Amino acid sequence: MPSLVTTMAAPGLVVVATEKPTAKKKITSLIIDNVAGGAARRVDVRDSFIPSITNLNPAPGMGVQNPLRFSVTIPNGAGMVWNFDETELRNVEVLGALELIIDNPDAGTIVTIAWEHV
């Protein structure tokens, strides 16, 4: 099962799952450590894909789609490590690239995410 540990210091987003870009991914674990964070931080899990051509719509023309799949705001300070397991994440599936986004870049916020291909 692939996984990644990253600080959320960079502005914008962190692309997580780069292998098998067209495989559906199910998130199995998400740990957000905001003990050393500068403030409460919102972390979003987003999908990024281009709709495929189908018999009913030969030219979707929609461009890249980025639906939000999961979002949580974590307070900062002592004891602020939140662990989401498979039970809490059972409906979080990503169709394309798996992306993490933080509302305000913070080197003190550490995200650990694991996923499997389904």
PDB file of N, CA and C in Angstrom:
ATOM      1  N   MET A   1       0.845  -1.167   0.000  1.00  0.00           N
ATOM      2  CA  MET A   1       0.000   0.000   0.000  1.00  0.00           C
ATOM      3  C   MET A   1       0.895   1.236   0.000  1.00  0.00           C
ATOM      4  N   PRO A   2       0.782   2.104  -1.007  1.00  0.00           N
ATOM      5  CA  PRO A   2       1.602   3.317  -1.055  1.00  0.00           C
ATOM      6  C   PRO A   2       1.224   4.300   0.051  1.00  0.00           C
ATOM      7  N   SER A   3       2.198   5.097   0.455  1.00  0.00           N
ATOM      8  CA  SER A   3       1.943   6.119   1.470  1.00  0.00           C
ATOM      9  C   SER A   3       2.945   7.257   1.283  1.00  0.00           C
ATOM     10  N   LEU A   4       2.648   8.385   1.937  1.00  0.00           N
ATOM     11  CA  LEU A   4       3.505   9.554   1.836  1.00  0.00           C
ATOM     12  C   LEU A   4       3.414  10.347   3.126  1.00  0.00           C
ATOM     13  N   VAL A   5       4.565  10.853   3.583  1.00  0.00           N
ATOM     14  CA  VAL A   5       4.608  11.787   4.704  1.00  0.00           C
ATOM     15  C   VAL A   5       5.157  13.093   4.149  1.00  0.00           C
ATOM     16  N   THR A   6       4.452  14.195   4.392  1.00  0.00           N
ATOM     17  CA  THR A   6       4.879  15.481   3.854  1.00  0.00           C
ATOM     18  C   THR A   6       4.532  16.612   4.812  1.00  0.00           C
ATOM     19  N   THR A   7       5.382  17.623   4.826  1.00  0.00           N
ATOM     20  CA  THR A   7       5.008  18.848   5.534  1.00  0.00           C
ATOM     21  C   THR A   7       4.177  19.659   4.552  1.00  0.00           C
ATOM     22  N   MET A   8       3.331  20.501   5.070  1.00  0.00           N
ATOM     23  CA  MET A   8       2.463  21.315   4.216  1.00  0.00           C
ATOM     24  C   MET A   8       3.039  22.728   4.100  1.00  0.00           C
ATOM     25  N   ALA A   9       4.379  22.817   3.937  1.00  0.00           N
ATOM     26  CA  ALA A   9       5.069  24.098   3.901  1.00  0.00           C
ATOM     27  C   ALA A   9       4.941  24.807   2.558  1.00  0.00           C
ATOM     28  N   ALA A  10       4.794  24.044   1.491  1.00  0.00           N
ATOM     29  CA  ALA A  10       4.745  24.658   0.164  1.00  0.00           C
ATOM     30  C   ALA A  10       3.376  25.276  -0.094  1.00  0.00           C
ATOM     31  N   PRO A  11       3.359  26.421  -0.765  1.00  0.00           N
ATOM     32  CA  PRO A  11       2.054  26.999  -1.122  1.00  0.00           C
ATOM     33  C   PRO A  11       1.365  26.158  -2.187  1.00  0.00           C
ATOM     34  N   GLY A  12       0.073  26.264  -2.263  1.00  0.00           N
ATOM     35  CA  GLY A  12      -0.671  25.521  -3.275  1.00  0.00           C
ATOM     36  C   GLY A  12      -0.965  24.112  -2.831  1.00  0.00           C
ATOM     37  N   LEU A  13      -0.650  23.167  -3.685  1.00  0.00           N
ATOM     38  CA  LEU A  13      -1.039  21.797  -3.388  1.00  0.00           C
ATOM     39  C   LEU A  13       0.141  20.854  -3.471  1.00  0.00           C
ATOM     40  N   VAL A  14      -0.053  19.670  -2.884  1.00  0.00           N
ATOM     41  CA  VAL A  14       0.925  18.589  -2.953  1.00  0.00           C
ATOM     42  C   VAL A  14       0.249  17.455  -3.706  1.00  0.00           C
ATOM     43  N   VAL A  15       0.808  17.060  -4.850  1.00  0.00           N
ATOM     44  CA  VAL A  15       0.276  15.921  -5.588  1.00  0.00           C
ATOM     45  C   VAL A  15       0.870  14.680  -4.953  1.00  0.00           C
ATOM     46  N   VAL A  16      -0.008  13.781  -4.518  1.00  0.00           N
ATOM     47  CA  VAL A  16       0.430  12.650  -3.708  1.00  0.00           C
ATOM     48  C   VAL A  16       0.654  11.399  -4.539  1.00  0.00           C
ATOM     49  N   ALA A  17      -0.366  10.895  -5.176  1.00  0.00           N
ATOM     50  CA  ALA A  17      -0.275   9.617  -5.877  1.00  0.00           C
ATOM     51  C   ALA A  17       0.056   9.864  -7.339  1.00  0.00           C
ATOM     52  N   THR A  18       1.298   9.610  -7.717  1.00  0.00           N
ATOM     53  CA  THR A  18       1.705   9.830  -9.100  1.00  0.00           C
ATOM     54  C   THR A  18       1.759   8.531  -9.892  1.00  0.00           C
ATOM     55  N   GLU A  19       1.809   7.405  -9.205  1.00  0.00           N
ATOM     56  CA  GLU A  19       1.824   6.127  -9.911  1.00  0.00           C
ATOM     57  C   GLU A  19       0.388   5.749 -10.295  1.00  0.00           C
ATOM     58  N   LYS A  20       0.235   5.040 -11.366  1.00  0.00           N
ATOM     59  CA  LYS A  20      -1.073   4.604 -11.869  1.00  0.00           C
ATOM     60  C   LYS A  20      -2.066   5.767 -11.916  1.00  0.00           C
ATOM     61  N   PRO A  21      -1.824   6.762 -12.737  1.00  0.00           N
ATOM     62  CA  PRO A  21      -2.654   7.967 -12.731  1.00  0.00           C
ATOM     63  C   PRO A  21      -4.119   7.748 -13.086  1.00  0.00           C
ATOM     64  N   THR A  22      -4.436   6.644 -13.780  1.00  0.00           N
ATOM     65  CA  THR A  22      -5.833   6.413 -14.156  1.00  0.00           C
ATOM     66  C   THR A  22      -6.526   5.389 -13.270  1.00  0.00           C
ATOM     67  N   ALA A  23      -5.849   4.910 -12.229  1.00  0.00           N
ATOM     68  CA  ALA A  23      -6.453   3.938 -11.319  1.00  0.00           C
ATOM     69  C   ALA A  23      -7.202   4.653 -10.193  1.00  0.00           C
ATOM     70  N   LYS A  24      -8.341   4.101  -9.807  1.00  0.00           N
ATOM     71  CA  LYS A  24      -9.095   4.657  -8.680  1.00  0.00           C
ATOM     72  C   LYS A  24      -8.334   4.354  -7.396  1.00  0.00           C
ATOM     73  N   LYS A  25      -8.287   5.339  -6.509  1.00  0.00           N
ATOM     74  CA  LYS A  25      -7.561   5.203  -5.244  1.00  0.00           C
ATOM     75  C   LYS A  25      -8.522   5.342  -4.076  1.00  0.00           C
ATOM     76  N   LYS A  26      -8.348   4.491  -3.083  1.00  0.00           N
ATOM     77  CA  LYS A  26      -9.129   4.551  -1.857  1.00  0.00           C
ATOM     78  C   LYS A  26      -8.179   4.913  -0.729  1.00  0.00           C
ATOM     79  N   ILE A  27      -8.480   5.985  -0.017  1.00  0.00           N
ATOM     80  CA  ILE A  27      -7.616   6.405   1.086  1.00  0.00           C
ATOM     81  C   ILE A  27      -7.875   5.496   2.279  1.00  0.00           C
ATOM     82  N   THR A  28      -6.810   4.931   2.823  1.00  0.00           N
ATOM     83  CA  THR A  28      -6.946   3.989   3.926  1.00  0.00           C
ATOM     84  C   THR A  28      -6.526   4.576   5.267  1.00  0.00           C
ATOM     85  N   SER A  29      -5.720   5.632   5.244  1.00  0.00           N
ATOM     86  CA  SER A  29      -5.266   6.247   6.485  1.00  0.00           C
ATOM     87  C   SER A  29      -4.879   7.698   6.219  1.00  0.00           C
ATOM     88  N   LEU A  30      -5.233   8.576   7.154  1.00  0.00           N
ATOM     89  CA  LEU A  30      -4.863   9.985   7.059  1.00  0.00           C
ATOM     90  C   LEU A  30      -4.547  10.472   8.464  1.00  0.00           C
ATOM     91  N   ILE A  31      -3.310  10.892   8.678  1.00  0.00           N
ATOM     92  CA  ILE A  31      -2.879  11.416   9.979  1.00  0.00           C
ATOM     93  C   ILE A  31      -2.406  12.838   9.763  1.00  0.00           C
ATOM     94  N   ILE A  32      -2.972  13.761  10.532  1.00  0.00           N
ATOM     95  CA  ILE A  32      -2.583  15.167  10.431  1.00  0.00           C
ATOM     96  C   ILE A  32      -2.032  15.590  11.780  1.00  0.00           C
ATOM     97  N   ASP A  33      -0.762  15.982  11.781  1.00  0.00           N
ATOM     98  CA  ASP A  33      -0.054  16.415  12.987  1.00  0.00           C
ATOM     99  C   ASP A  33       0.084  17.933  12.917  1.00  0.00           C
ATOM    100  N   ASN A  34      -0.635  18.632  13.795  1.00  0.00           N
ATOM    101  CA  ASN A  34      -0.565  20.095  13.809  1.00  0.00           C
ATOM    102  C   ASN A  34      -0.071  20.598  15.167  1.00  0.00           C
ATOM    103  N   VAL A  35       0.733  19.779  15.850  1.00  0.00           N
ATOM    104  CA  VAL A  35       1.280  20.162  17.151  1.00  0.00           C
ATOM    105  C   VAL A  35       2.135  21.414  17.019  1.00  0.00           C
ATOM    106  N   ALA A  36       2.989  21.452  15.998  1.00  0.00           N
ATOM    107  CA  ALA A  36       3.890  22.592  15.815  1.00  0.00           C
ATOM    108  C   ALA A  36       3.336  23.621  14.830  1.00  0.00           C
ATOM    109  N   GLY A  37       2.103  23.459  14.419  1.00  0.00           N
ATOM    110  CA  GLY A  37       1.498  24.391  13.467  1.00  0.00           C
ATOM    111  C   GLY A  37       1.314  25.770  14.069  1.00  0.00           C
ATOM    112  N   GLY A  38       1.329  26.783  13.217  1.00  0.00           N
ATOM    113  CA  GLY A  38       1.204  28.164  13.673  1.00  0.00           C
ATOM    114  C   GLY A  38      -0.207  28.552  14.053  1.00  0.00           C
ATOM    115  N   ALA A  39      -1.204  27.810  13.575  1.00  0.00           N
ATOM    116  CA  ALA A  39      -2.609  28.094  13.856  1.00  0.00           C
ATOM    117  C   ALA A  39      -3.424  26.887  13.413  1.00  0.00           C
ATOM    118  N   ALA A  40      -4.720  26.938  13.634  1.00  0.00           N
ATOM    119  CA  ALA A  40      -5.590  25.885  13.114  1.00  0.00           C
ATOM    120  C   ALA A  40      -5.454  25.877  11.593  1.00  0.00           C
ATOM    121  N   ARG A  41      -5.417  24.697  11.002  1.00  0.00           N
ATOM    122  CA  ARG A  41      -5.237  24.574   9.551  1.00  0.00           C
ATOM    123  C   ARG A  41      -6.307  23.654   8.965  1.00  0.00           C
ATOM    124  N   ARG A  42      -6.807  24.048   7.794  1.00  0.00           N
ATOM    125  CA  ARG A  42      -7.739  23.195   7.061  1.00  0.00           C
ATOM    126  C   ARG A  42      -6.946  22.429   6.002  1.00  0.00           C
ATOM    127  N   VAL A  43      -7.101  21.117   5.998  1.00  0.00           N
ATOM    128  CA  VAL A  43      -6.448  20.267   5.007  1.00  0.00           C
ATOM    129  C   VAL A  43      -7.545  19.622   4.162  1.00  0.00           C
ATOM    130  N   ASP A  44      -7.401  19.759   2.845  1.00  0.00           N
ATOM    131  CA  ASP A  44      -8.365  19.193   1.905  1.00  0.00           C
ATOM    132  C   ASP A  44      -7.714  18.077   1.110  1.00  0.00           C
ATOM    133  N   VAL A  45      -8.494  17.032   0.843  1.00  0.00           N
ATOM    134  CA  VAL A  45      -8.096  15.979  -0.082  1.00  0.00           C
ATOM    135  C   VAL A  45      -8.943  16.208  -1.326  1.00  0.00           C
ATOM    136  N   ARG A  46      -8.256  16.377  -2.454  1.00  0.00           N
ATOM    137  CA  ARG A  46      -8.952  16.709  -3.687  1.00  0.00           C
ATOM    138  C   ARG A  46      -8.581  15.716  -4.779  1.00  0.00           C
ATOM    139  N   ASP A  47      -9.465  15.549  -5.700  1.00  0.00           N
ATOM    140  CA  ASP A  47      -9.297  14.704  -6.866  1.00  0.00           C
ATOM    141  C   ASP A  47      -8.956  15.602  -8.054  1.00  0.00           C
ATOM    142  N   SER A  48      -8.239  15.092  -9.033  1.00  0.00           N
ATOM    143  CA  SER A  48      -7.952  15.860 -10.230  1.00  0.00           C
ATOM    144  C   SER A  48      -7.954  14.923 -11.432  1.00  0.00           C
ATOM    145  N   PHE A  49      -8.911  15.135 -12.327  1.00  0.00           N
ATOM    146  CA  PHE A  49      -9.020  14.261 -13.490  1.00  0.00           C
ATOM    147  C   PHE A  49      -9.690  14.999 -14.651  1.00  0.00           C
ATOM    148  N   ILE A  50      -9.522  14.452 -15.851  1.00  0.00           N
ATOM    149  CA  ILE A  50     -10.199  14.953 -17.037  1.00  0.00           C
ATOM    150  C   ILE A  50     -11.228  13.896 -17.427  1.00  0.00           C
ATOM    151  N   PRO A  51     -12.501  14.272 -17.549  1.00  0.00           N
ATOM    152  CA  PRO A  51     -13.531  13.298 -17.928  1.00  0.00           C
ATOM    153  C   PRO A  51     -13.191  12.616 -19.251  1.00  0.00           C
ATOM    154  N   SER A  52     -13.516  11.337 -19.324  1.00  0.00           N
ATOM    155  CA  SER A  52     -13.215  10.545 -20.516  1.00  0.00           C
ATOM    156  C   SER A  52     -14.282  10.711 -21.583  1.00  0.00           C
ATOM    157  N   ILE A  53     -13.882  10.423 -22.784  1.00  0.00           N
ATOM    158  CA  ILE A  53     -14.819  10.383 -23.902  1.00  0.00           C
ATOM    159  C   ILE A  53     -15.692   9.142 -23.741  1.00  0.00           C
ATOM    160  N   THR A  54     -16.984   9.295 -23.975  1.00  0.00           N
ATOM    161  CA  THR A  54     -17.915   8.169 -23.898  1.00  0.00           C
ATOM    162  C   THR A  54     -18.748   8.122 -25.168  1.00  0.00           C
ATOM    163  N   ASN A  55     -19.537   7.067 -25.320  1.00  0.00           N
ATOM    164  CA  ASN A  55     -20.428   6.966 -26.478  1.00  0.00           C
ATOM    165  C   ASN A  55     -21.469   8.077 -26.462  1.00  0.00           C
ATOM    166  N   LEU A  56     -21.935   8.443 -25.288  1.00  0.00           N
ATOM    167  CA  LEU A  56     -22.964   9.471 -25.190  1.00  0.00           C
ATOM    168  C   LEU A  56     -22.397  10.880 -25.311  1.00  0.00           C
ATOM    169  N   ASN A  57     -21.127  11.051 -24.973  1.00  0.00           N
ATOM    170  CA  ASN A  57     -20.519  12.370 -25.024  1.00  0.00           C
ATOM    171  C   ASN A  57     -19.101  12.234 -25.591  1.00  0.00           C
ATOM    172  N   PRO A  58     -18.964  12.317 -26.919  1.00  0.00           N
ATOM    173  CA  PRO A  58     -17.652  12.098 -27.536  1.00  0.00           C
ATOM    174  C   PRO A  58     -16.638  13.206 -27.256  1.00  0.00           C
ATOM    175  N   ALA A  59     -17.091  14.358 -26.766  1.00  0.00           N
ATOM    176  CA  ALA A  59     -16.177  15.458 -26.457  1.00  0.00           C
ATOM    177  C   ALA A  59     -16.659  16.169 -25.194  1.00  0.00           C
ATOM    178  N   PRO A  60     -16.337  15.628 -24.002  1.00  0.00           N
ATOM    179  CA  PRO A  60     -16.839  16.225 -22.759  1.00  0.00           C
ATOM    180  C   PRO A  60     -16.513  17.711 -22.623  1.00  0.00           C
ATOM    181  N   GLY A  61     -15.326  18.139 -23.082  1.00  0.00           N
ATOM    182  CA  GLY A  61     -14.975  19.547 -23.076  1.00  0.00           C
ATOM    183  C   GLY A  61     -15.038  20.217 -21.718  1.00  0.00           C
ATOM    184  N   MET A  62     -14.920  19.465 -20.669  1.00  0.00           N
ATOM    185  CA  MET A  62     -15.044  20.013 -19.323  1.00  0.00           C
ATOM    186  C   MET A  62     -13.711  20.427 -18.735  1.00  0.00           C
ATOM    187  N   GLY A  63     -12.614  19.993 -19.340  1.00  0.00           N
ATOM    188  CA  GLY A  63     -11.302  20.299 -18.779  1.00  0.00           C
ATOM    189  C   GLY A  63     -11.058  19.535 -17.495  1.00  0.00           C
ATOM    190  N   VAL A  64     -10.071  19.950 -16.757  1.00  0.00           N
ATOM    191  CA  VAL A  64      -9.701  19.272 -15.509  1.00  0.00           C
ATOM    192  C   VAL A  64     -10.767  19.525 -14.443  1.00  0.00           C
ATOM    193  N   GLN A  65     -11.195  18.458 -13.807  1.00  0.00           N
ATOM    194  CA  GLN A  65     -12.158  18.534 -12.711  1.00  0.00           C
ATOM    195  C   GLN A  65     -11.406  18.330 -11.398  1.00  0.00           C
ATOM    196  N   ASN A  66     -11.753  19.098 -10.359  1.00  0.00           N
ATOM    197  CA  ASN A  66     -11.068  19.014  -9.066  1.00  0.00           C
ATOM    198  C   ASN A  66     -12.072  18.925  -7.917  1.00  0.00           C
ATOM    199  N   PRO A  67     -12.856  17.854  -7.848  1.00  0.00           N
ATOM    200  CA  PRO A  67     -13.822  17.761  -6.757  1.00  0.00           C
ATOM    201  C   PRO A  67     -13.139  17.541  -5.399  1.00  0.00           C
ATOM    202  N   LEU A  68     -13.706  18.154  -4.389  1.00  0.00           N
ATOM    203  CA  LEU A  68     -13.241  17.984  -3.015  1.00  0.00           C
ATOM    204  C   LEU A  68     -13.750  16.643  -2.503  1.00  0.00           C
ATOM    205  N   ARG A  69     -12.849  15.810  -1.975  1.00  0.00           N
ATOM    206  CA  ARG A  69     -13.247  14.486  -1.490  1.00  0.00           C
ATOM    207  C   ARG A  69     -13.297  14.410   0.045  1.00  0.00           C
ATOM    208  N   PHE A  70     -12.498  15.251   0.727  1.00  0.00           N
ATOM    209  CA  PHE A  70     -12.461  15.219   2.195  1.00  0.00           C
ATOM    210  C   PHE A  70     -11.856  16.526   2.667  1.00  0.00           C
ATOM    211  N   SER A  71     -12.369  17.071   3.760  1.00  0.00           N
ATOM    212  CA  SER A  71     -11.841  18.318   4.310  1.00  0.00           C
ATOM    213  C   SER A  71     -11.976  18.282   5.826  1.00  0.00           C
ATOM    214  N   VAL A  72     -10.950  18.771   6.508  1.00  0.00           N
ATOM    215  CA  VAL A  72     -10.993  18.821   7.968  1.00  0.00           C
ATOM    216  C   VAL A  72     -10.127  19.977   8.449  1.00  0.00           C
ATOM    217  N   THR A  73     -10.570  20.628   9.514  1.00  0.00           N
ATOM    218  CA  THR A  73      -9.794  21.686  10.147  1.00  0.00           C
ATOM    219  C   THR A  73      -9.255  21.148  11.462  1.00  0.00           C
ATOM    220  N   ILE A  74      -7.941  21.250  11.632  1.00  0.00           N
ATOM    221  CA  ILE A  74      -7.254  20.719  12.804  1.00  0.00           C
ATOM    222  C   ILE A  74      -6.718  21.878  13.639  1.00  0.00           C
ATOM    223  N   PRO A  75      -7.110  21.964  14.925  1.00  0.00           N
ATOM    224  CA  PRO A  75      -6.519  22.991  15.797  1.00  0.00           C
ATOM    225  C   PRO A  75      -5.018  22.736  15.963  1.00  0.00           C
ATOM    226  N   ASN A  76      -4.289  23.744  16.408  1.00  0.00           N
ATOM    227  CA  ASN A  76      -2.858  23.552  16.626  1.00  0.00           C
ATOM    228  C   ASN A  76      -2.567  23.468  18.120  1.00  0.00           C
ATOM    229  N   GLY A  77      -1.362  22.996  18.428  1.00  0.00           N
ATOM    230  CA  GLY A  77      -0.920  22.919  19.821  1.00  0.00           C
ATOM    231  C   GLY A  77      -0.749  21.492  20.304  1.00  0.00           C
ATOM    232  N   ALA A  78      -0.420  21.369  21.577  1.00  0.00           N
ATOM    233  CA  ALA A  78      -0.133  20.065  22.185  1.00  0.00           C
ATOM    234  C   ALA A  78      -1.297  19.097  21.993  1.00  0.00           C
ATOM    235  N   GLY A  79      -0.973  17.900  21.573  1.00  0.00           N
ATOM    236  CA  GLY A  79      -1.976  16.847  21.421  1.00  0.00           C
ATOM    237  C   GLY A  79      -2.792  16.914  20.144  1.00  0.00           C
ATOM    238  N   MET A  80      -2.488  17.845  19.253  1.00  0.00           N
ATOM    239  CA  MET A  80      -3.288  17.999  18.039  1.00  0.00           C
ATOM    240  C   MET A  80      -2.760  17.134  16.896  1.00  0.00           C
ATOM    241  N   VAL A  81      -2.879  15.831  17.086  1.00  0.00           N
ATOM    242  CA  VAL A  81      -2.580  14.852  16.046  1.00  0.00           C
ATOM    243  C   VAL A  81      -3.868  14.070  15.834  1.00  0.00           C
ATOM    244  N   TRP A  82      -4.453  14.191  14.659  1.00  0.00           N
ATOM    245  CA  TRP A  82      -5.709  13.521  14.367  1.00  0.00           C
ATOM    246  C   TRP A  82      -5.454  12.378  13.409  1.00  0.00           C
ATOM    247  N   ASN A  83      -6.024  11.233  13.732  1.00  0.00           N
ATOM    248  CA  ASN A  83      -5.818  10.020  12.961  1.00  0.00           C
ATOM    249  C   ASN A  83      -7.167   9.534  12.433  1.00  0.00           C
ATOM    250  N   PHE A  84      -7.310   9.530  11.111  1.00  0.00           N
ATOM    251  CA  PHE A  84      -8.526   9.037  10.485  1.00  0.00           C
ATOM    252  C   PHE A  84      -8.210   7.666   9.907  1.00  0.00           C
ATOM    253  N   ASP A  85      -9.048   6.665  10.229  1.00  0.00           N
ATOM    254  CA  ASP A  85      -8.779   5.307   9.758  1.00  0.00           C
ATOM    255  C   ASP A  85      -9.741   4.923   8.635  1.00  0.00           C
ATOM    256  N   GLU A  86      -9.667   3.662   8.216  1.00  0.00           N
ATOM    257  CA  GLU A  86     -10.481   3.187   7.095  1.00  0.00           C
ATOM    258  C   GLU A  86     -11.978   3.351   7.343  1.00  0.00           C
ATOM    259  N   THR A  87     -12.406   3.220   8.586  1.00  0.00           N
ATOM    260  CA  THR A  87     -13.826   3.371   8.895  1.00  0.00           C
ATOM    261  C   THR A  87     -14.299   4.784   8.583  1.00  0.00           C
ATOM    262  N   GLU A  88     -13.536   5.770   8.998  1.00  0.00           N
ATOM    263  CA  GLU A  88     -13.910   7.171   8.780  1.00  0.00           C
ATOM    264  C   GLU A  88     -13.703   7.614   7.326  1.00  0.00           C
ATOM    265  N   LEU A  89     -12.847   6.900   6.607  1.00  0.00           N
ATOM    266  CA  LEU A  89     -12.511   7.279   5.238  1.00  0.00           C
ATOM    267  C   LEU A  89     -13.126   6.342   4.198  1.00  0.00           C
ATOM    268  N   ARG A  90     -14.071   5.505   4.608  1.00  0.00           N
ATOM    269  CA  ARG A  90     -14.573   4.452   3.720  1.00  0.00           C
ATOM    270  C   ARG A  90     -15.204   4.976   2.426  1.00  0.00           C
ATOM    271  N   ASN A  91     -15.716   6.192   2.425  1.00  0.00           N
ATOM    272  CA  ASN A  91     -16.345   6.734   1.222  1.00  0.00           C
ATOM    273  C   ASN A  91     -15.456   7.715   0.459  1.00  0.00           C
ATOM    274  N   VAL A  92     -14.200   7.809   0.843  1.00  0.00           N
ATOM    275  CA  VAL A  92     -13.286   8.748   0.178  1.00  0.00           C
ATOM    276  C   VAL A  92     -12.524   7.998  -0.909  1.00  0.00           C
ATOM    277  N   GLU A  93     -12.924   8.248  -2.165  1.00  0.00           N
ATOM    278  CA  GLU A  93     -12.269   7.628  -3.307  1.00  0.00           C
ATOM    279  C   GLU A  93     -11.853   8.712  -4.288  1.00  0.00           C
ATOM    280  N   VAL A  94     -10.728   8.511  -4.914  1.00  0.00           N
ATOM    281  CA  VAL A  94     -10.170   9.476  -5.858  1.00  0.00           C
ATOM    282  C   VAL A  94     -10.061   8.788  -7.214  1.00  0.00           C
ATOM    283  N   LEU A  95     -10.538   9.462  -8.259  1.00  0.00           N
ATOM    284  CA  LEU A  95     -10.550   8.870  -9.598  1.00  0.00           C
ATOM    285  C   LEU A  95      -9.290   9.171 -10.399  1.00  0.00           C
ATOM    286  N   GLY A  96      -8.627  10.270 -10.115  1.00  0.00           N
ATOM    287  CA  GLY A  96      -7.433  10.662 -10.864  1.00  0.00           C
ATOM    288  C   GLY A  96      -6.262  10.888  -9.933  1.00  0.00           C
ATOM    289  N   ALA A  97      -5.646  12.065 -10.037  1.00  0.00           N
ATOM    290  CA  ALA A  97      -4.517  12.405  -9.167  1.00  0.00           C
ATOM    291  C   ALA A  97      -5.035  12.747  -7.771  1.00  0.00           C
ATOM    292  N   LEU A  98      -4.363  12.281  -6.765  1.00  0.00           N
ATOM    293  CA  LEU A  98      -4.690  12.553  -5.362  1.00  0.00           C
ATOM    294  C   LEU A  98      -3.903  13.780  -4.932  1.00  0.00           C
ATOM    295  N   GLU A  99      -4.621  14.817  -4.471  1.00  0.00           N
ATOM    296  CA  GLU A  99      -3.978  16.074  -4.106  1.00  0.00           C
ATOM    297  C   GLU A  99      -4.313  16.460  -2.673  1.00  0.00           C
ATOM    298  N   LEU A 100      -3.317  17.005  -1.969  1.00  0.00           N
ATOM    299  CA  LEU A 100      -3.510  17.575  -0.637  1.00  0.00           C
ATOM    300  C   LEU A 100      -3.353  19.086  -0.750  1.00  0.00           C
ATOM    301  N   ILE A 101      -4.233  19.806  -0.091  1.00  0.00           N
ATOM    302  CA  ILE A 101      -4.167  21.266  -0.110  1.00  0.00           C
ATOM    303  C   ILE A 101      -4.354  21.764   1.319  1.00  0.00           C
ATOM    304  N   ILE A 102      -3.567  22.755   1.714  1.00  0.00           N
ATOM    305  CA  ILE A 102      -3.709  23.366   3.032  1.00  0.00           C
ATOM    306  C   ILE A 102      -4.144  24.814   2.827  1.00  0.00           C
ATOM    307  N   ASP A 103      -4.982  25.313   3.734  1.00  0.00           N
ATOM    308  CA  ASP A 103      -5.511  26.668   3.571  1.00  0.00           C
ATOM    309  C   ASP A 103      -4.435  27.739   3.708  1.00  0.00           C
ATOM    310  N   ASN A 104      -3.386  27.467   4.491  1.00  0.00           N
ATOM    311  CA  ASN A 104      -2.287  28.413   4.672  1.00  0.00           C
ATOM    312  C   ASN A 104      -1.019  27.585   4.876  1.00  0.00           C
ATOM    313  N   PRO A 105      -0.037  27.651   3.975  1.00  0.00           N
ATOM    314  CA  PRO A 105       1.156  26.822   4.105  1.00  0.00           C
ATOM    315  C   PRO A 105       1.789  26.929   5.489  1.00  0.00           C
ATOM    316  N   ASP A 106       2.190  25.782   6.040  1.00  0.00           N
ATOM    317  CA  ASP A 106       2.718  25.738   7.397  1.00  0.00           C
ATOM    318  C   ASP A 106       3.664  24.546   7.526  1.00  0.00           C
ATOM    319  N   ALA A 107       4.952  24.806   7.727  1.00  0.00           N
ATOM    320  CA  ALA A 107       5.943  23.734   7.869  1.00  0.00           C
ATOM    321  C   ALA A 107       5.701  22.911   9.127  1.00  0.00           C
ATOM    322  N   GLY A 108       4.933  23.433  10.076  1.00  0.00           N
ATOM    323  CA  GLY A 108       4.631  22.710  11.307  1.00  0.00           C
ATOM    324  C   GLY A 108       3.487  21.731  11.175  1.00  0.00           C
ATOM    325  N   THR A 109       2.812  21.715  10.033  1.00  0.00           N
ATOM    326  CA  THR A 109       1.714  20.774   9.799  1.00  0.00           C
ATOM    327  C   THR A 109       2.246  19.628   8.955  1.00  0.00           C
ATOM    328  N   ILE A 110       2.142  18.416   9.497  1.00  0.00           N
ATOM    329  CA  ILE A 110       2.666  17.224   8.830  1.00  0.00           C
ATOM    330  C   ILE A 110       1.495  16.288   8.526  1.00  0.00           C
ATOM    331  N   VAL A 111       1.420  15.851   7.273  1.00  0.00           N
ATOM    332  CA  VAL A 111       0.346  14.954   6.854  1.00  0.00           C
ATOM    333  C   VAL A 111       0.951  13.622   6.430  1.00  0.00           C
ATOM    334  N   THR A 112       0.373  12.549   6.933  1.00  0.00           N
ATOM    335  CA  THR A 112       0.726  11.197   6.508  1.00  0.00           C
ATOM    336  C   THR A 112      -0.532  10.595   5.886  1.00  0.00           C
ATOM    337  N   ILE A 113      -0.410  10.143   4.649  1.00  0.00           N
ATOM    338  CA  ILE A 113      -1.573   9.603   3.948  1.00  0.00           C
ATOM    339  C   ILE A 113      -1.191   8.278   3.298  1.00  0.00           C
ATOM    340  N   ALA A 114      -2.111   7.309   3.355  1.00  0.00           N
ATOM    341  CA  ALA A 114      -1.909   6.010   2.723  1.00  0.00           C
ATOM    342  C   ALA A 114      -3.122   5.709   1.856  1.00  0.00           C
ATOM    343  N   TRP A 115      -2.899   5.007   0.757  1.00  0.00           N
ATOM    344  CA  TRP A 115      -3.989   4.676  -0.151  1.00  0.00           C
ATOM    345  C   TRP A 115      -3.723   3.332  -0.809  1.00  0.00           C
ATOM    346  N   GLU A 116      -4.765   2.780  -1.395  1.00  0.00           N
ATOM    347  CA  GLU A 116      -4.610   1.566  -2.173  1.00  0.00           C
ATOM    348  C   GLU A 116      -5.338   1.765  -3.492  1.00  0.00           C
ATOM    349  N   HIS A 117      -4.930   1.010  -4.490  1.00  0.00           N
ATOM    350  CA  HIS A 117      -5.568   1.081  -5.801  1.00  0.00           C
ATOM    351  C   HIS A 117      -6.690   0.056  -5.827  1.00  0.00           C
ATOM    352  N   VAL A 118      -7.857   0.487  -6.271  1.00  0.00           N
ATOM    353  CA  VAL A 118      -9.015  -0.423  -6.325  1.00  0.00           C
ATOM    354  C   VAL A 118      -9.551  -0.518  -7.735  1.00  0.00           C
TER     355      VAL A 118
END
